[in-house]
Amino acid sequence: MIRFAILVLTLFLFLFSFAAWGYGVGYSSFPLMQDRKLISAEATGIISNGSGLGMQVRYTHKLNKHTIVDAGVGVSGGDRSGRLFLGADYEIFPDYNQQPRFSVKASVENALEFEARHNIISVAPTLSKGFNFWGHEGFPFVSIPMGVSLRGEDSTYHTVVNLAMGITGHLPIKGYSHLTANAEATISLRNNYSAIFFGVSYPLE
């Protein structure tokens, strides 16, 4: 546990020394116990304009029955080289019987894109539902992040909209079921990027 924490801290400092960015819905739709904390390492790949591969660190904390917060930092190749983010997901309806979970996630980002700094404020309505996949529970989700991006250099702005789809769940591997994994794809609908993400998280006691 201590070695893992040192590794994550070292990686975090390494990432922050370059530039900062964060992508994806993350673990907001995963049914965490109250006060549960996760630290995750994620691989990212931008496949549209400004394409590049990278990685990020994300911290996730379930504050109470309805609220999950997360924060992240990372680096990437390509023109979208840096972003830092902070988000809060609020559950409106739980995953119950045939009813899917519905939540809204608000986030604030500071991004370095195409050599210009952007401040992005967004909201993401999200639907998710738990299913059994060959004896293992998984939680597919779909979300539509939408927001406003303000370019710092000339104070211009534009709207951004994405469609995000993915799944979270415990790793179905013997001896590693305490780890939570996520896979996500996002498609640009307006003035944004398309990308794929993969991550594994470790629970913090």
N, C-alpha and C. Protein backbone atom coordinates (compact mmCIF):
# COMPACT_ATOMS: atom_id res chain seq x y z
N MET A 1 0.83 -1.20 0.00
CA MET A 1 0.00 0.00 0.00
C MET A 1 0.87 1.26 0.00
N ILE A 2 1.91 1.29 0.89
CA ILE A 2 2.78 2.45 0.96
C ILE A 2 3.56 2.63 -0.34
N ARG A 3 4.04 1.51 -0.90
CA ARG A 3 4.76 1.57 -2.17
C ARG A 3 3.87 2.10 -3.28
N PHE A 4 2.59 1.66 -3.29
CA PHE A 4 1.66 2.12 -4.32
C PHE A 4 1.43 3.62 -4.18
N ALA A 5 1.26 4.10 -2.93
CA ALA A 5 1.03 5.52 -2.70
C ALA A 5 2.24 6.35 -3.14
N ILE A 6 3.45 5.85 -2.86
CA ILE A 6 4.67 6.56 -3.29
C ILE A 6 4.75 6.61 -4.81
N LEU A 7 4.41 5.48 -5.46
CA LEU A 7 4.43 5.44 -6.92
C LEU A 7 3.46 6.44 -7.51
N VAL A 8 2.24 6.49 -6.97
CA VAL A 8 1.22 7.42 -7.47
C VAL A 8 1.66 8.87 -7.24
N LEU A 9 2.22 9.15 -6.06
CA LEU A 9 2.68 10.51 -5.77
C LEU A 9 3.80 10.93 -6.72
N THR A 10 4.73 10.02 -6.96
CA THR A 10 5.82 10.30 -7.90
C THR A 10 5.28 10.58 -9.30
N LEU A 11 4.33 9.74 -9.74
CA LEU A 11 3.72 9.93 -11.05
C LEU A 11 2.98 11.26 -11.11
N PHE A 12 2.27 11.60 -10.05
CA PHE A 12 1.53 12.86 -10.00
C PHE A 12 2.48 14.05 -10.15
N LEU A 13 3.59 14.04 -9.40
CA LEU A 13 4.54 15.14 -9.48
C LEU A 13 5.18 15.22 -10.86
N PHE A 14 5.44 14.04 -11.45
CA PHE A 14 6.00 14.01 -12.81
C PHE A 14 5.04 14.64 -13.80
N LEU A 15 3.76 14.27 -13.68
CA LEU A 15 2.76 14.80 -14.60
C LEU A 15 2.59 16.30 -14.41
N PHE A 16 2.54 16.73 -13.15
CA PHE A 16 2.28 18.14 -12.89
C PHE A 16 3.43 19.03 -13.33
N SER A 17 4.63 18.46 -13.41
CA SER A 17 5.78 19.25 -13.83
C SER A 17 5.73 19.60 -15.31
N PHE A 18 4.90 18.90 -16.06
CA PHE A 18 4.74 19.21 -17.48
C PHE A 18 3.51 20.10 -17.68
N ALA A 19 2.38 19.49 -17.91
CA ALA A 19 1.14 20.23 -18.07
C ALA A 19 0.04 19.37 -17.50
N ALA A 20 -1.13 19.95 -17.36
CA ALA A 20 -2.17 19.21 -16.66
C ALA A 20 -3.42 19.08 -17.51
N TRP A 21 -3.96 17.89 -17.51
CA TRP A 21 -5.25 17.72 -18.18
C TRP A 21 -5.99 16.54 -17.59
N GLY A 22 -7.27 16.46 -17.86
CA GLY A 22 -8.06 15.33 -17.41
C GLY A 22 -9.17 15.07 -18.42
N TYR A 23 -9.43 13.82 -18.72
CA TYR A 23 -10.44 13.47 -19.70
C TYR A 23 -11.35 12.39 -19.13
N GLY A 24 -12.58 12.35 -19.62
CA GLY A 24 -13.45 11.22 -19.35
C GLY A 24 -14.39 11.42 -18.17
N VAL A 25 -15.45 10.61 -18.16
CA VAL A 25 -16.43 10.61 -17.08
C VAL A 25 -15.84 9.97 -15.82
N GLY A 26 -14.97 8.97 -16.01
CA GLY A 26 -14.32 8.33 -14.88
C GLY A 26 -15.21 7.37 -14.13
N TYR A 27 -15.10 7.38 -12.79
CA TYR A 27 -15.80 6.40 -11.94
C TYR A 27 -17.05 7.00 -11.29
N SER A 28 -17.54 8.12 -11.81
CA SER A 28 -18.67 8.80 -11.20
C SER A 28 -19.93 7.95 -11.16
N SER A 29 -20.10 7.05 -12.13
CA SER A 29 -21.32 6.23 -12.18
C SER A 29 -21.16 4.90 -11.46
N PHE A 30 -19.98 4.62 -10.89
CA PHE A 30 -19.75 3.35 -10.21
C PHE A 30 -20.31 3.41 -8.79
N PRO A 31 -21.00 2.34 -8.31
CA PRO A 31 -21.65 2.37 -6.99
C PRO A 31 -20.66 2.19 -5.84
N LEU A 32 -20.02 3.27 -5.45
CA LEU A 32 -19.08 3.24 -4.34
C LEU A 32 -19.80 3.32 -3.00
N MET A 33 -19.20 2.71 -1.97
CA MET A 33 -19.69 2.88 -0.61
C MET A 33 -19.37 4.30 -0.14
N GLN A 34 -20.19 4.82 0.80
CA GLN A 34 -19.96 6.17 1.30
C GLN A 34 -18.57 6.29 1.91
N ASP A 35 -17.89 7.39 1.64
CA ASP A 35 -16.54 7.72 2.09
C ASP A 35 -15.47 6.85 1.43
N ARG A 36 -15.83 6.10 0.39
CA ARG A 36 -14.85 5.30 -0.33
C ARG A 36 -13.98 6.20 -1.18
N LYS A 37 -12.69 5.88 -1.25
CA LYS A 37 -11.74 6.67 -2.03
C LYS A 37 -10.99 5.76 -3.00
N LEU A 38 -10.76 6.26 -4.20
CA LEU A 38 -10.03 5.52 -5.22
C LEU A 38 -8.93 6.40 -5.80
N ILE A 39 -7.81 5.79 -6.13
CA ILE A 39 -6.77 6.46 -6.91
C ILE A 39 -6.55 5.63 -8.16
N SER A 40 -6.57 6.26 -9.32
CA SER A 40 -6.52 5.49 -10.57
C SER A 40 -5.46 6.02 -11.51
N ALA A 41 -4.93 5.10 -12.30
CA ALA A 41 -4.02 5.44 -13.40
C ALA A 41 -4.74 5.10 -14.69
N GLU A 42 -4.74 6.02 -15.64
CA GLU A 42 -5.53 5.86 -16.85
C GLU A 42 -4.72 6.19 -18.10
N ALA A 43 -4.88 5.36 -19.11
CA ALA A 43 -4.28 5.63 -20.42
C ALA A 43 -5.31 6.34 -21.28
N THR A 44 -4.87 7.33 -22.04
CA THR A 44 -5.79 8.11 -22.87
C THR A 44 -5.28 8.18 -24.30
N GLY A 45 -6.22 8.27 -25.22
CA GLY A 45 -5.86 8.39 -26.63
C GLY A 45 -6.82 9.30 -27.36
N ILE A 46 -6.34 10.47 -27.77
CA ILE A 46 -7.15 11.39 -28.57
C ILE A 46 -7.04 10.95 -30.03
N ILE A 47 -8.17 10.69 -30.67
CA ILE A 47 -8.15 10.14 -32.03
C ILE A 47 -8.70 11.11 -33.07
N SER A 48 -9.02 12.33 -32.65
CA SER A 48 -9.50 13.33 -33.62
C SER A 48 -8.44 14.42 -33.75
N ASN A 49 -8.85 15.65 -34.01
CA ASN A 49 -7.88 16.74 -34.17
C ASN A 49 -7.06 16.92 -32.89
N GLY A 50 -5.77 17.19 -33.06
CA GLY A 50 -4.89 17.30 -31.90
C GLY A 50 -4.58 15.96 -31.28
N SER A 51 -4.55 14.89 -32.09
CA SER A 51 -4.43 13.53 -31.58
C SER A 51 -3.11 13.30 -30.84
N GLY A 52 -3.16 12.37 -29.88
CA GLY A 52 -1.98 12.03 -29.11
C GLY A 52 -2.31 11.04 -28.01
N LEU A 53 -1.30 10.29 -27.57
CA LEU A 53 -1.44 9.33 -26.48
C LEU A 53 -0.93 9.95 -25.19
N GLY A 54 -1.51 9.53 -24.07
CA GLY A 54 -1.06 10.07 -22.80
C GLY A 54 -1.53 9.23 -21.63
N MET A 55 -1.37 9.78 -20.44
CA MET A 55 -1.83 9.11 -19.24
C MET A 55 -2.21 10.16 -18.21
N GLN A 56 -3.02 9.72 -17.21
CA GLN A 56 -3.44 10.65 -16.18
C GLN A 56 -3.65 9.91 -14.87
N VAL A 57 -3.65 10.68 -13.79
CA VAL A 57 -3.98 10.18 -12.46
C VAL A 57 -5.28 10.84 -12.03
N ARG A 58 -6.20 10.03 -11.48
CA ARG A 58 -7.50 10.55 -11.03
C ARG A 58 -7.75 10.11 -9.58
N TYR A 59 -8.20 11.04 -8.76
CA TYR A 59 -8.62 10.74 -7.39
C TYR A 59 -10.14 10.85 -7.32
N THR A 60 -10.80 9.83 -6.78
CA THR A 60 -12.26 9.80 -6.68
C THR A 60 -12.66 9.56 -5.23
N HIS A 61 -13.64 10.30 -4.74
CA HIS A 61 -14.08 10.19 -3.34
C HIS A 61 -15.60 10.32 -3.27
N LYS A 62 -16.26 9.32 -2.68
CA LYS A 62 -17.70 9.42 -2.47
C LYS A 62 -17.95 10.11 -1.14
N LEU A 63 -18.41 11.35 -1.20
CA LEU A 63 -18.58 12.16 0.01
C LEU A 63 -19.75 11.70 0.85
N ASN A 64 -20.88 11.40 0.20
CA ASN A 64 -22.08 10.97 0.91
C ASN A 64 -22.93 10.12 -0.02
N LYS A 65 -24.16 9.86 0.38
CA LYS A 65 -25.03 8.95 -0.38
C LYS A 65 -25.22 9.38 -1.82
N HIS A 66 -25.22 10.68 -2.07
CA HIS A 66 -25.57 11.18 -3.40
C HIS A 66 -24.41 11.81 -4.18
N THR A 67 -23.29 12.12 -3.54
CA THR A 67 -22.27 12.95 -4.17
C THR A 67 -20.92 12.25 -4.27
N ILE A 68 -20.36 12.26 -5.47
CA ILE A 68 -19.01 11.77 -5.74
C ILE A 68 -18.20 12.92 -6.34
N VAL A 69 -17.01 13.16 -5.82
CA VAL A 69 -16.13 14.18 -6.38
C VAL A 69 -14.88 13.50 -6.94
N ASP A 70 -14.29 14.11 -7.95
CA ASP A 70 -13.02 13.62 -8.48
C ASP A 70 -12.15 14.77 -8.95
N ALA A 71 -10.86 14.49 -9.08
CA ALA A 71 -9.90 15.48 -9.56
C ALA A 71 -8.78 14.73 -10.26
N GLY A 72 -8.17 15.35 -11.26
CA GLY A 72 -7.14 14.64 -11.99
C GLY A 72 -6.16 15.56 -12.68
N VAL A 73 -5.04 14.96 -13.08
CA VAL A 73 -3.97 15.68 -13.76
C VAL A 73 -3.23 14.69 -14.65
N GLY A 74 -2.72 15.15 -15.78
CA GLY A 74 -2.01 14.24 -16.66
C GLY A 74 -1.28 14.94 -17.80
N VAL A 75 -0.62 14.18 -18.63
CA VAL A 75 0.09 14.71 -19.79
C VAL A 75 -0.24 13.90 -21.02
N SER A 76 0.00 14.51 -22.19
CA SER A 76 -0.30 13.84 -23.44
C SER A 76 0.57 14.39 -24.55
N GLY A 77 0.75 13.57 -25.58
CA GLY A 77 1.36 14.07 -26.80
C GLY A 77 0.30 14.77 -27.64
N GLY A 78 0.68 15.34 -28.74
CA GLY A 78 -0.27 16.02 -29.61
C GLY A 78 -0.51 17.46 -29.18
N ASP A 79 -1.50 18.09 -29.79
CA ASP A 79 -1.78 19.50 -29.54
C ASP A 79 -2.62 19.75 -28.30
N ARG A 80 -3.26 18.71 -27.76
CA ARG A 80 -4.03 18.86 -26.52
C ARG A 80 -3.15 18.33 -25.38
N SER A 81 -2.12 19.09 -25.05
CA SER A 81 -1.05 18.56 -24.21
C SER A 81 -1.30 18.65 -22.72
N GLY A 82 -2.25 19.44 -22.28
CA GLY A 82 -2.38 19.59 -20.84
C GLY A 82 -3.77 19.93 -20.36
N ARG A 83 -4.17 19.36 -19.19
CA ARG A 83 -5.46 19.69 -18.59
C ARG A 83 -5.49 19.29 -17.13
N LEU A 84 -6.13 20.13 -16.34
CA LEU A 84 -6.36 19.89 -14.92
C LEU A 84 -7.87 19.99 -14.68
N PHE A 85 -8.46 19.08 -13.89
CA PHE A 85 -9.91 19.14 -13.72
C PHE A 85 -10.35 18.82 -12.31
N LEU A 86 -11.54 19.29 -11.99
CA LEU A 86 -12.21 19.02 -10.72
C LEU A 86 -13.69 18.85 -11.03
N GLY A 87 -14.31 17.78 -10.52
CA GLY A 87 -15.71 17.51 -10.83
C GLY A 87 -16.50 17.02 -9.63
N ALA A 88 -17.82 17.16 -9.70
CA ALA A 88 -18.72 16.67 -8.66
C ALA A 88 -19.96 16.08 -9.33
N ASP A 89 -20.26 14.83 -9.01
CA ASP A 89 -21.41 14.13 -9.58
C ASP A 89 -22.49 13.99 -8.50
N TYR A 90 -23.72 14.41 -8.83
CA TYR A 90 -24.83 14.33 -7.87
C TYR A 90 -25.89 13.37 -8.40
N GLU A 91 -26.18 12.34 -7.61
CA GLU A 91 -27.18 11.34 -8.01
C GLU A 91 -28.59 11.86 -7.76
N ILE A 92 -29.42 11.83 -8.80
CA ILE A 92 -30.81 12.26 -8.70
C ILE A 92 -31.74 11.06 -8.51
N PHE A 93 -31.52 9.99 -9.29
CA PHE A 93 -32.27 8.74 -9.13
C PHE A 93 -31.27 7.59 -9.02
N PRO A 94 -31.47 6.66 -8.06
CA PRO A 94 -30.55 5.54 -7.92
C PRO A 94 -30.83 4.43 -8.94
N ASP A 95 -29.87 3.54 -9.09
CA ASP A 95 -30.05 2.32 -9.88
C ASP A 95 -30.89 1.36 -9.03
N TYR A 96 -32.14 1.16 -9.42
CA TYR A 96 -33.06 0.37 -8.58
C TYR A 96 -34.04 -0.39 -9.46
N ASN A 97 -34.08 -1.72 -9.30
CA ASN A 97 -34.94 -2.58 -10.12
C ASN A 97 -34.70 -2.29 -11.60
N GLN A 98 -35.74 -1.89 -12.32
CA GLN A 98 -35.60 -1.60 -13.75
C GLN A 98 -35.19 -0.16 -14.04
N GLN A 99 -35.08 0.63 -12.99
CA GLN A 99 -34.75 2.05 -13.15
C GLN A 99 -33.24 2.26 -13.21
N PRO A 100 -32.73 2.93 -14.23
CA PRO A 100 -31.29 3.23 -14.28
C PRO A 100 -30.93 4.37 -13.33
N ARG A 101 -29.67 4.44 -12.98
CA ARG A 101 -29.19 5.56 -12.18
C ARG A 101 -29.10 6.79 -13.08
N PHE A 102 -29.55 7.94 -12.55
CA PHE A 102 -29.43 9.20 -13.28
C PHE A 102 -28.74 10.21 -12.39
N SER A 103 -27.72 10.84 -12.94
CA SER A 103 -26.98 11.84 -12.18
C SER A 103 -26.56 12.98 -13.11
N VAL A 104 -26.13 14.06 -12.50
CA VAL A 104 -25.58 15.19 -13.25
C VAL A 104 -24.21 15.52 -12.66
N LYS A 105 -23.21 15.58 -13.53
CA LYS A 105 -21.85 15.89 -13.09
C LYS A 105 -21.45 17.28 -13.59
N ALA A 106 -21.03 18.12 -12.68
CA ALA A 106 -20.51 19.44 -13.02
C ALA A 106 -18.99 19.40 -12.89
N SER A 107 -18.30 20.06 -13.81
CA SER A 107 -16.83 20.05 -13.75
C SER A 107 -16.25 21.38 -14.22
N VAL A 108 -15.06 21.65 -13.73
CA VAL A 108 -14.28 22.82 -14.13
C VAL A 108 -12.92 22.32 -14.59
N GLU A 109 -12.45 22.79 -15.74
CA GLU A 109 -11.18 22.34 -16.29
C GLU A 109 -10.33 23.53 -16.71
N ASN A 110 -9.03 23.35 -16.60
CA ASN A 110 -8.08 24.30 -17.17
C ASN A 110 -7.22 23.52 -18.14
N ALA A 111 -7.29 23.86 -19.43
CA ALA A 111 -6.68 23.03 -20.47
C ALA A 111 -5.69 23.83 -21.31
N LEU A 112 -4.61 23.13 -21.70
CA LEU A 112 -3.67 23.68 -22.67
C LEU A 112 -3.90 22.96 -23.98
N GLU A 113 -4.51 23.66 -24.94
CA GLU A 113 -4.88 23.07 -26.22
C GLU A 113 -4.39 23.98 -27.35
N PHE A 114 -3.63 23.41 -28.27
CA PHE A 114 -3.12 24.15 -29.41
C PHE A 114 -2.39 25.42 -28.96
N GLU A 115 -1.55 25.25 -27.91
CA GLU A 115 -0.69 26.30 -27.37
C GLU A 115 -1.47 27.47 -26.80
N ALA A 116 -2.72 27.27 -26.43
CA ALA A 116 -3.53 28.30 -25.80
C ALA A 116 -4.21 27.72 -24.57
N ARG A 117 -4.36 28.54 -23.53
CA ARG A 117 -4.98 28.10 -22.29
C ARG A 117 -6.49 28.32 -22.37
N HIS A 118 -7.25 27.29 -21.97
CA HIS A 118 -8.72 27.35 -21.99
C HIS A 118 -9.26 27.02 -20.61
N ASN A 119 -10.30 27.73 -20.19
CA ASN A 119 -11.06 27.40 -19.00
C ASN A 119 -12.42 26.88 -19.44
N ILE A 120 -12.77 25.67 -18.98
CA ILE A 120 -13.97 25.00 -19.46
C ILE A 120 -14.89 24.68 -18.29
N ILE A 121 -16.12 25.12 -18.36
CA ILE A 121 -17.15 24.80 -17.37
C ILE A 121 -18.19 23.93 -18.06
N SER A 122 -18.50 22.77 -17.48
CA SER A 122 -19.41 21.85 -18.16
C SER A 122 -20.32 21.11 -17.19
N VAL A 123 -21.42 20.59 -17.72
CA VAL A 123 -22.31 19.69 -17.00
C VAL A 123 -22.51 18.46 -17.86
N ALA A 124 -22.72 17.31 -17.20
CA ALA A 124 -22.85 16.05 -17.93
C ALA A 124 -23.96 15.19 -17.32
N PRO A 125 -25.18 15.25 -17.88
CA PRO A 125 -26.21 14.30 -17.45
C PRO A 125 -25.78 12.89 -17.82
N THR A 126 -25.94 11.95 -16.87
CA THR A 126 -25.40 10.60 -17.06
C THR A 126 -26.41 9.54 -16.64
N LEU A 127 -26.59 8.53 -17.49
CA LEU A 127 -27.41 7.36 -17.18
C LEU A 127 -26.49 6.14 -17.05
N SER A 128 -26.74 5.31 -16.02
CA SER A 128 -25.96 4.08 -15.87
C SER A 128 -26.85 3.00 -15.26
N LYS A 129 -26.46 1.75 -15.48
CA LYS A 129 -27.26 0.61 -15.00
C LYS A 129 -26.36 -0.59 -14.80
N GLY A 130 -26.52 -1.28 -13.66
CA GLY A 130 -25.74 -2.48 -13.40
C GLY A 130 -26.31 -3.70 -14.09
N PHE A 131 -25.44 -4.51 -14.70
CA PHE A 131 -25.84 -5.75 -15.37
C PHE A 131 -24.86 -6.86 -14.99
N ASN A 132 -25.33 -8.10 -15.15
CA ASN A 132 -24.48 -9.26 -14.91
C ASN A 132 -23.89 -9.74 -16.22
N PHE A 133 -22.56 -9.77 -16.30
CA PHE A 133 -21.86 -10.23 -17.50
C PHE A 133 -21.08 -11.49 -17.16
N TRP A 134 -21.60 -12.65 -17.53
CA TRP A 134 -20.93 -13.93 -17.30
C TRP A 134 -20.50 -14.09 -15.84
N GLY A 135 -21.43 -13.73 -14.94
CA GLY A 135 -21.16 -13.90 -13.51
C GLY A 135 -20.44 -12.75 -12.85
N HIS A 136 -20.16 -11.68 -13.60
CA HIS A 136 -19.47 -10.51 -13.05
C HIS A 136 -20.32 -9.27 -13.32
N GLU A 137 -20.43 -8.41 -12.30
CA GLU A 137 -21.27 -7.22 -12.44
C GLU A 137 -20.49 -6.09 -13.11
N GLY A 138 -21.13 -5.46 -14.08
CA GLY A 138 -20.56 -4.31 -14.76
C GLY A 138 -21.58 -3.19 -14.82
N PHE A 139 -21.11 -1.97 -15.00
CA PHE A 139 -21.99 -0.80 -14.96
C PHE A 139 -21.78 0.07 -16.20
N PRO A 140 -22.46 -0.25 -17.30
CA PRO A 140 -22.38 0.60 -18.50
C PRO A 140 -23.00 1.97 -18.23
N PHE A 141 -22.50 2.98 -18.92
CA PHE A 141 -23.05 4.32 -18.77
C PHE A 141 -23.01 5.06 -20.09
N VAL A 142 -23.87 6.07 -20.19
CA VAL A 142 -23.86 6.98 -21.32
C VAL A 142 -24.05 8.39 -20.76
N SER A 143 -23.32 9.35 -21.32
CA SER A 143 -23.35 10.70 -20.80
C SER A 143 -23.20 11.69 -21.94
N ILE A 144 -23.71 12.90 -21.75
CA ILE A 144 -23.56 13.96 -22.75
C ILE A 144 -22.95 15.19 -22.07
N PRO A 145 -21.61 15.22 -21.95
CA PRO A 145 -20.96 16.42 -21.40
C PRO A 145 -21.13 17.61 -22.34
N MET A 146 -21.54 18.73 -21.78
CA MET A 146 -21.73 19.96 -22.58
C MET A 146 -21.28 21.14 -21.74
N GLY A 147 -20.68 22.13 -22.41
CA GLY A 147 -20.20 23.26 -21.64
C GLY A 147 -19.74 24.42 -22.49
N VAL A 148 -19.03 25.33 -21.84
CA VAL A 148 -18.50 26.53 -22.49
C VAL A 148 -16.99 26.57 -22.26
N SER A 149 -16.24 26.80 -23.34
CA SER A 149 -14.78 26.89 -23.26
C SER A 149 -14.36 28.33 -23.53
N LEU A 150 -13.67 28.93 -22.55
CA LEU A 150 -13.21 30.31 -22.68
C LEU A 150 -11.71 30.30 -22.96
N ARG A 151 -11.32 30.88 -24.08
CA ARG A 151 -9.90 30.99 -24.46
C ARG A 151 -9.29 32.18 -23.75
N GLY A 152 -8.26 31.93 -22.94
CA GLY A 152 -7.72 32.98 -22.09
C GLY A 152 -7.01 34.10 -22.83
N GLU A 153 -6.33 33.80 -23.94
CA GLU A 153 -5.50 34.80 -24.61
C GLU A 153 -6.30 35.94 -25.21
N ASP A 154 -7.46 35.64 -25.79
CA ASP A 154 -8.25 36.70 -26.43
C ASP A 154 -9.67 36.80 -25.89
N SER A 155 -9.97 36.07 -24.81
CA SER A 155 -11.28 36.12 -24.14
C SER A 155 -12.44 35.75 -25.06
N THR A 156 -12.19 34.90 -26.05
CA THR A 156 -13.28 34.38 -26.87
C THR A 156 -13.78 33.07 -26.27
N TYR A 157 -14.98 32.66 -26.66
CA TYR A 157 -15.52 31.42 -26.11
C TYR A 157 -16.29 30.66 -27.18
N HIS A 158 -16.48 29.36 -26.94
CA HIS A 158 -17.32 28.54 -27.80
C HIS A 158 -17.92 27.42 -26.97
N THR A 159 -19.02 26.87 -27.45
CA THR A 159 -19.67 25.76 -26.74
C THR A 159 -19.06 24.43 -27.19
N VAL A 160 -19.05 23.47 -26.27
CA VAL A 160 -18.51 22.14 -26.55
C VAL A 160 -19.54 21.10 -26.11
N VAL A 161 -19.70 20.04 -26.93
CA VAL A 161 -20.63 18.96 -26.62
C VAL A 161 -20.01 17.63 -27.03
N ASN A 162 -20.10 16.63 -26.17
CA ASN A 162 -19.60 15.30 -26.46
C ASN A 162 -20.66 14.24 -26.13
N LEU A 163 -20.51 13.07 -26.71
CA LEU A 163 -21.25 11.88 -26.31
C LEU A 163 -20.24 10.90 -25.74
N ALA A 164 -20.42 10.51 -24.47
CA ALA A 164 -19.49 9.59 -23.81
C ALA A 164 -20.21 8.29 -23.47
N MET A 165 -19.55 7.16 -23.74
CA MET A 165 -20.09 5.84 -23.43
C MET A 165 -18.99 4.98 -22.84
N GLY A 166 -19.34 4.15 -21.85
CA GLY A 166 -18.31 3.32 -21.26
C GLY A 166 -18.87 2.32 -20.27
N ILE A 167 -17.98 1.69 -19.52
CA ILE A 167 -18.37 0.69 -18.53
C ILE A 167 -17.34 0.69 -17.41
N THR A 168 -17.81 0.48 -16.18
CA THR A 168 -16.93 0.32 -15.02
C THR A 168 -17.29 -0.99 -14.32
N GLY A 169 -16.35 -1.51 -13.56
CA GLY A 169 -16.60 -2.75 -12.81
C GLY A 169 -15.32 -3.28 -12.20
N HIS A 170 -15.46 -4.19 -11.24
CA HIS A 170 -14.29 -4.82 -10.65
C HIS A 170 -13.61 -5.72 -11.67
N LEU A 171 -12.29 -5.78 -11.62
CA LEU A 171 -11.55 -6.64 -12.54
C LEU A 171 -11.94 -8.10 -12.32
N PRO A 172 -12.39 -8.80 -13.38
CA PRO A 172 -12.81 -10.20 -13.24
C PRO A 172 -11.63 -11.17 -13.29
N ILE A 173 -10.59 -10.87 -12.50
CA ILE A 173 -9.38 -11.67 -12.48
C ILE A 173 -9.11 -12.10 -11.04
N LYS A 174 -8.92 -13.37 -10.82
CA LYS A 174 -8.69 -13.89 -9.48
C LYS A 174 -7.48 -13.21 -8.83
N GLY A 175 -7.70 -12.73 -7.61
CA GLY A 175 -6.64 -12.04 -6.89
C GLY A 175 -6.59 -10.55 -7.13
N TYR A 176 -7.36 -10.05 -8.12
CA TYR A 176 -7.35 -8.62 -8.45
C TYR A 176 -8.76 -8.02 -8.44
N SER A 177 -9.72 -8.71 -7.85
CA SER A 177 -11.10 -8.23 -7.87
C SER A 177 -11.30 -6.98 -7.01
N HIS A 178 -10.30 -6.63 -6.16
CA HIS A 178 -10.40 -5.41 -5.37
C HIS A 178 -10.10 -4.17 -6.22
N LEU A 179 -9.58 -4.38 -7.43
CA LEU A 179 -9.31 -3.27 -8.34
C LEU A 179 -10.53 -2.99 -9.21
N THR A 180 -10.76 -1.73 -9.51
CA THR A 180 -11.88 -1.33 -10.36
C THR A 180 -11.33 -0.80 -11.67
N ALA A 181 -11.92 -1.25 -12.77
CA ALA A 181 -11.46 -0.84 -14.10
C ALA A 181 -12.55 -0.04 -14.81
N ASN A 182 -12.12 0.79 -15.74
CA ASN A 182 -13.09 1.48 -16.59
C ASN A 182 -12.57 1.57 -18.02
N ALA A 183 -13.50 1.54 -18.94
CA ALA A 183 -13.20 1.74 -20.36
C ALA A 183 -14.23 2.73 -20.89
N GLU A 184 -13.78 3.69 -21.68
CA GLU A 184 -14.67 4.77 -22.10
C GLU A 184 -14.29 5.27 -23.49
N ALA A 185 -15.29 5.64 -24.25
CA ALA A 185 -15.08 6.29 -25.54
C ALA A 185 -15.93 7.55 -25.57
N THR A 186 -15.37 8.61 -26.12
CA THR A 186 -16.11 9.86 -26.24
C THR A 186 -16.04 10.35 -27.68
N ILE A 187 -17.17 10.84 -28.17
CA ILE A 187 -17.29 11.29 -29.55
C ILE A 187 -17.66 12.77 -29.56
N SER A 188 -16.92 13.55 -30.31
CA SER A 188 -17.21 14.98 -30.39
C SER A 188 -18.49 15.23 -31.17
N LEU A 189 -19.40 15.98 -30.57
CA LEU A 189 -20.61 16.42 -31.26
C LEU A 189 -20.51 17.89 -31.68
N ARG A 190 -19.66 18.64 -30.95
CA ARG A 190 -19.50 20.06 -31.30
C ARG A 190 -18.21 20.60 -30.67
N ASN A 191 -17.28 21.08 -31.50
CA ASN A 191 -16.09 21.82 -31.07
C ASN A 191 -15.24 21.11 -30.02
N ASN A 192 -15.10 19.80 -30.14
CA ASN A 192 -14.33 19.09 -29.12
C ASN A 192 -13.57 17.93 -29.75
N TYR A 193 -13.10 16.99 -28.94
CA TYR A 193 -12.26 15.89 -29.38
C TYR A 193 -13.01 14.56 -29.27
N SER A 194 -12.56 13.56 -30.00
CA SER A 194 -13.00 12.18 -29.84
C SER A 194 -11.83 11.39 -29.27
N ALA A 195 -12.13 10.46 -28.34
CA ALA A 195 -11.03 9.80 -27.65
C ALA A 195 -11.48 8.48 -27.04
N ILE A 196 -10.50 7.67 -26.62
CA ILE A 196 -10.75 6.44 -25.87
C ILE A 196 -9.88 6.47 -24.62
N PHE A 197 -10.39 5.86 -23.54
CA PHE A 197 -9.70 5.86 -22.26
C PHE A 197 -9.81 4.49 -21.60
N PHE A 198 -8.75 4.08 -20.92
CA PHE A 198 -8.75 2.85 -20.13
C PHE A 198 -8.06 3.14 -18.80
N GLY A 199 -8.62 2.62 -17.70
CA GLY A 199 -8.02 2.88 -16.41
C GLY A 199 -8.25 1.77 -15.41
N VAL A 200 -7.40 1.74 -14.39
CA VAL A 200 -7.53 0.81 -13.27
C VAL A 200 -7.34 1.61 -11.99
N SER A 201 -8.22 1.39 -11.01
CA SER A 201 -8.15 2.13 -9.76
C SER A 201 -7.88 1.21 -8.58
N TYR A 202 -7.26 1.80 -7.56
CA TYR A 202 -6.91 1.08 -6.34
C TYR A 202 -7.64 1.74 -5.18
N PRO A 203 -8.29 0.95 -4.30
CA PRO A 203 -9.01 1.55 -3.17
C PRO A 203 -8.05 2.06 -2.10
N LEU A 204 -8.32 3.24 -1.58
CA LEU A 204 -7.54 3.81 -0.49
C LEU A 204 -8.29 3.58 0.81
N GLU A 205 -7.65 2.97 1.78
CA GLU A 205 -8.30 2.68 3.06
C GLU A 205 -8.32 3.92 3.94
